[in-house]
Amino acid sequence: AFLYWIRFYIRFTGKRLPRETAATEVRAFLTYLADELHVAGNTQGVALNAVVFLYHKFLGVNLDERSFAPATKQR
């Protein structure tokens, strides 16, 4: 699941390298998932965890995941 969301995120950013993107792109990605794709909060959470994992483990950048608003759609 993490690989899927990481690839989805990279495609969302126009195939830019993750080290060239920042928290604003992550916020835009999560907003896109909630507003345009209408994903559930749990799905958005998995996507967020995947992107945070990418930034933390591979790039050494800590994202404050508390700064991202969760989706409000329920299952």
N, C-alpha and C. Protein backbone atom coordinates (compact mmCIF):
# COMPACT_ATOMS: atom_id res chain seq x y z
N ALA A 1 0.82 -1.19 0.00
CA ALA A 1 0.00 0.00 0.00
C ALA A 1 0.87 1.26 0.00
N PHE A 2 1.96 1.23 0.78
CA PHE A 2 2.84 2.40 0.83
C PHE A 2 3.43 2.71 -0.54
N LEU A 3 3.87 1.68 -1.25
CA LEU A 3 4.44 1.91 -2.58
C LEU A 3 3.42 2.54 -3.52
N TYR A 4 2.19 2.09 -3.45
CA TYR A 4 1.14 2.66 -4.28
C TYR A 4 0.99 4.15 -4.02
N TRP A 5 0.88 4.52 -2.75
CA TRP A 5 0.65 5.93 -2.41
C TRP A 5 1.88 6.78 -2.67
N ILE A 6 3.07 6.22 -2.51
CA ILE A 6 4.29 6.98 -2.82
C ILE A 6 4.34 7.26 -4.32
N ARG A 7 4.05 6.27 -5.13
CA ARG A 7 4.02 6.48 -6.60
C ARG A 7 2.92 7.48 -6.97
N PHE A 8 1.76 7.37 -6.35
CA PHE A 8 0.66 8.29 -6.61
C PHE A 8 1.08 9.71 -6.28
N TYR A 9 1.76 9.89 -5.16
CA TYR A 9 2.23 11.21 -4.73
C TYR A 9 3.24 11.77 -5.73
N ILE A 10 4.17 10.94 -6.18
CA ILE A 10 5.19 11.41 -7.14
C ILE A 10 4.52 11.79 -8.45
N ARG A 11 3.56 11.02 -8.91
CA ARG A 11 2.83 11.40 -10.13
C ARG A 11 2.04 12.68 -9.92
N PHE A 12 1.46 12.85 -8.73
CA PHE A 12 0.70 14.05 -8.42
C PHE A 12 1.58 15.30 -8.51
N THR A 13 2.83 15.18 -8.09
CA THR A 13 3.74 16.33 -8.10
C THR A 13 4.41 16.54 -9.46
N GLY A 14 3.94 15.86 -10.47
CA GLY A 14 4.51 16.04 -11.80
C GLY A 14 5.82 15.31 -11.98
N LYS A 15 5.97 14.19 -11.28
CA LYS A 15 7.16 13.35 -11.33
C LYS A 15 8.42 14.10 -10.88
N ARG A 16 8.21 15.10 -10.02
CA ARG A 16 9.37 15.77 -9.42
C ARG A 16 9.91 14.87 -8.32
N LEU A 17 11.19 14.97 -8.08
CA LEU A 17 11.79 14.19 -7.01
C LEU A 17 11.25 14.65 -5.67
N PRO A 18 10.99 13.72 -4.75
CA PRO A 18 10.45 14.12 -3.44
C PRO A 18 11.34 15.10 -2.70
N ARG A 19 12.66 15.07 -2.90
CA ARG A 19 13.51 16.02 -2.20
C ARG A 19 13.34 17.44 -2.75
N GLU A 20 12.68 17.58 -3.91
CA GLU A 20 12.41 18.89 -4.49
C GLU A 20 11.05 19.43 -4.06
N THR A 21 10.28 18.63 -3.36
CA THR A 21 8.96 19.05 -2.90
C THR A 21 9.01 19.30 -1.40
N ALA A 22 7.96 19.90 -0.88
CA ALA A 22 7.94 20.24 0.54
C ALA A 22 6.56 19.96 1.12
N ALA A 23 6.38 20.42 2.34
CA ALA A 23 5.11 20.17 3.04
C ALA A 23 3.92 20.78 2.30
N THR A 24 4.14 21.84 1.55
CA THR A 24 3.01 22.44 0.81
C THR A 24 2.48 21.48 -0.24
N GLU A 25 3.37 20.73 -0.91
CA GLU A 25 2.93 19.74 -1.89
C GLU A 25 2.22 18.58 -1.21
N VAL A 26 2.71 18.18 -0.04
CA VAL A 26 2.05 17.10 0.70
C VAL A 26 0.65 17.55 1.10
N ARG A 27 0.53 18.78 1.57
CA ARG A 27 -0.79 19.31 1.96
C ARG A 27 -1.71 19.36 0.74
N ALA A 28 -1.20 19.80 -0.40
CA ALA A 28 -2.00 19.86 -1.63
C ALA A 28 -2.43 18.46 -2.04
N PHE A 29 -1.54 17.48 -1.90
CA PHE A 29 -1.85 16.09 -2.25
C PHE A 29 -2.98 15.55 -1.37
N LEU A 30 -2.88 15.78 -0.07
CA LEU A 30 -3.91 15.29 0.84
C LEU A 30 -5.24 16.00 0.62
N THR A 31 -5.18 17.27 0.30
CA THR A 31 -6.40 18.02 -0.02
C THR A 31 -7.03 17.48 -1.29
N TYR A 32 -6.21 17.19 -2.28
CA TYR A 32 -6.68 16.61 -3.53
C TYR A 32 -7.39 15.28 -3.27
N LEU A 33 -6.79 14.45 -2.44
CA LEU A 33 -7.41 13.16 -2.12
C LEU A 33 -8.78 13.35 -1.48
N ALA A 34 -8.87 14.30 -0.57
CA ALA A 34 -10.13 14.51 0.15
C ALA A 34 -11.16 15.22 -0.71
N ASP A 35 -10.77 16.29 -1.39
CA ASP A 35 -11.74 17.13 -2.09
C ASP A 35 -12.09 16.63 -3.49
N GLU A 36 -11.11 16.14 -4.21
CA GLU A 36 -11.35 15.72 -5.60
C GLU A 36 -11.69 14.24 -5.73
N LEU A 37 -10.96 13.40 -5.00
CA LEU A 37 -11.19 11.96 -5.10
C LEU A 37 -12.17 11.44 -4.06
N HIS A 38 -12.49 12.27 -3.07
CA HIS A 38 -13.46 11.92 -2.03
C HIS A 38 -13.11 10.63 -1.31
N VAL A 39 -11.83 10.49 -0.94
CA VAL A 39 -11.42 9.29 -0.21
C VAL A 39 -11.84 9.42 1.25
N ALA A 40 -11.95 8.29 1.90
CA ALA A 40 -12.28 8.26 3.33
C ALA A 40 -11.07 8.72 4.14
N GLY A 41 -11.33 9.11 5.37
CA GLY A 41 -10.27 9.57 6.25
C GLY A 41 -9.19 8.53 6.47
N ASN A 42 -9.58 7.26 6.57
CA ASN A 42 -8.59 6.20 6.77
C ASN A 42 -7.68 6.04 5.55
N THR A 43 -8.25 6.18 4.37
CA THR A 43 -7.45 6.08 3.15
C THR A 43 -6.46 7.24 3.09
N GLN A 44 -6.92 8.43 3.42
CA GLN A 44 -6.05 9.59 3.43
C GLN A 44 -4.95 9.39 4.48
N GLY A 45 -5.28 8.78 5.58
CA GLY A 45 -4.29 8.51 6.62
C GLY A 45 -3.21 7.56 6.16
N VAL A 46 -3.58 6.54 5.41
CA VAL A 46 -2.59 5.61 4.87
C VAL A 46 -1.69 6.33 3.88
N ALA A 47 -2.27 7.18 3.03
CA ALA A 47 -1.48 7.95 2.07
C ALA A 47 -0.52 8.88 2.81
N LEU A 48 -0.99 9.54 3.85
CA LEU A 48 -0.13 10.42 4.65
C LEU A 48 1.01 9.64 5.29
N ASN A 49 0.70 8.49 5.87
CA ASN A 49 1.75 7.68 6.50
C ASN A 49 2.79 7.23 5.49
N ALA A 50 2.36 6.90 4.28
CA ALA A 50 3.29 6.49 3.24
C ALA A 50 4.22 7.63 2.85
N VAL A 51 3.68 8.82 2.70
CA VAL A 51 4.50 9.97 2.31
C VAL A 51 5.44 10.36 3.46
N VAL A 52 4.95 10.33 4.69
CA VAL A 52 5.80 10.62 5.86
C VAL A 52 6.92 9.60 5.95
N PHE A 53 6.62 8.33 5.70
CA PHE A 53 7.63 7.27 5.69
C PHE A 53 8.70 7.58 4.64
N LEU A 54 8.27 7.96 3.45
CA LEU A 54 9.21 8.29 2.38
C LEU A 54 10.14 9.41 2.81
N TYR A 55 9.58 10.49 3.31
CA TYR A 55 10.39 11.64 3.69
C TYR A 55 11.30 11.31 4.87
N HIS A 56 10.78 10.61 5.86
CA HIS A 56 11.57 10.36 7.07
C HIS A 56 12.66 9.32 6.83
N LYS A 57 12.32 8.17 6.29
CA LYS A 57 13.27 7.07 6.17
C LYS A 57 14.26 7.24 5.03
N PHE A 58 13.82 7.81 3.91
CA PHE A 58 14.69 7.88 2.75
C PHE A 58 15.34 9.24 2.55
N LEU A 59 14.68 10.30 2.99
CA LEU A 59 15.22 11.64 2.76
C LEU A 59 15.71 12.30 4.04
N GLY A 60 15.38 11.70 5.18
CA GLY A 60 15.82 12.26 6.46
C GLY A 60 15.14 13.57 6.82
N VAL A 61 13.96 13.80 6.28
CA VAL A 61 13.19 15.02 6.54
C VAL A 61 11.99 14.65 7.41
N ASN A 62 11.81 15.37 8.50
CA ASN A 62 10.66 15.12 9.36
C ASN A 62 9.52 16.05 8.98
N LEU A 63 8.40 15.45 8.61
CA LEU A 63 7.19 16.22 8.34
C LEU A 63 6.32 16.16 9.59
N ASP A 64 5.74 17.27 9.95
CA ASP A 64 4.83 17.28 11.10
C ASP A 64 3.45 16.88 10.61
N GLU A 65 3.13 15.60 10.74
CA GLU A 65 1.86 15.11 10.20
C GLU A 65 0.65 15.67 10.93
N ARG A 66 0.83 16.30 12.08
CA ARG A 66 -0.30 16.90 12.77
C ARG A 66 -0.77 18.18 12.09
N SER A 67 0.05 18.72 11.18
CA SER A 67 -0.33 19.98 10.52
C SER A 67 -1.25 19.75 9.34
N PHE A 68 -1.56 18.51 9.01
CA PHE A 68 -2.41 18.20 7.87
C PHE A 68 -3.83 17.88 8.36
N ALA A 69 -4.80 18.50 7.75
CA ALA A 69 -6.19 18.29 8.15
C ALA A 69 -6.70 16.97 7.56
N PRO A 70 -7.38 16.16 8.36
CA PRO A 70 -7.90 14.88 7.84
C PRO A 70 -9.16 15.07 7.02
N ALA A 71 -9.40 14.09 6.17
CA ALA A 71 -10.63 14.08 5.38
C ALA A 71 -11.81 13.85 6.32
N THR A 72 -12.97 14.36 5.94
CA THR A 72 -14.13 14.22 6.81
C THR A 72 -15.10 13.15 6.34
N LYS A 73 -14.88 12.58 5.15
CA LYS A 73 -15.77 11.57 4.64
C LYS A 73 -15.64 10.29 5.47
N GLN A 74 -16.78 9.73 5.80
CA GLN A 74 -16.79 8.48 6.55
C GLN A 74 -17.08 7.32 5.60
N ARG A 75 -16.78 6.15 6.07
CA ARG A 75 -17.02 4.94 5.28
C ARG A 75 -18.47 4.72 5.03
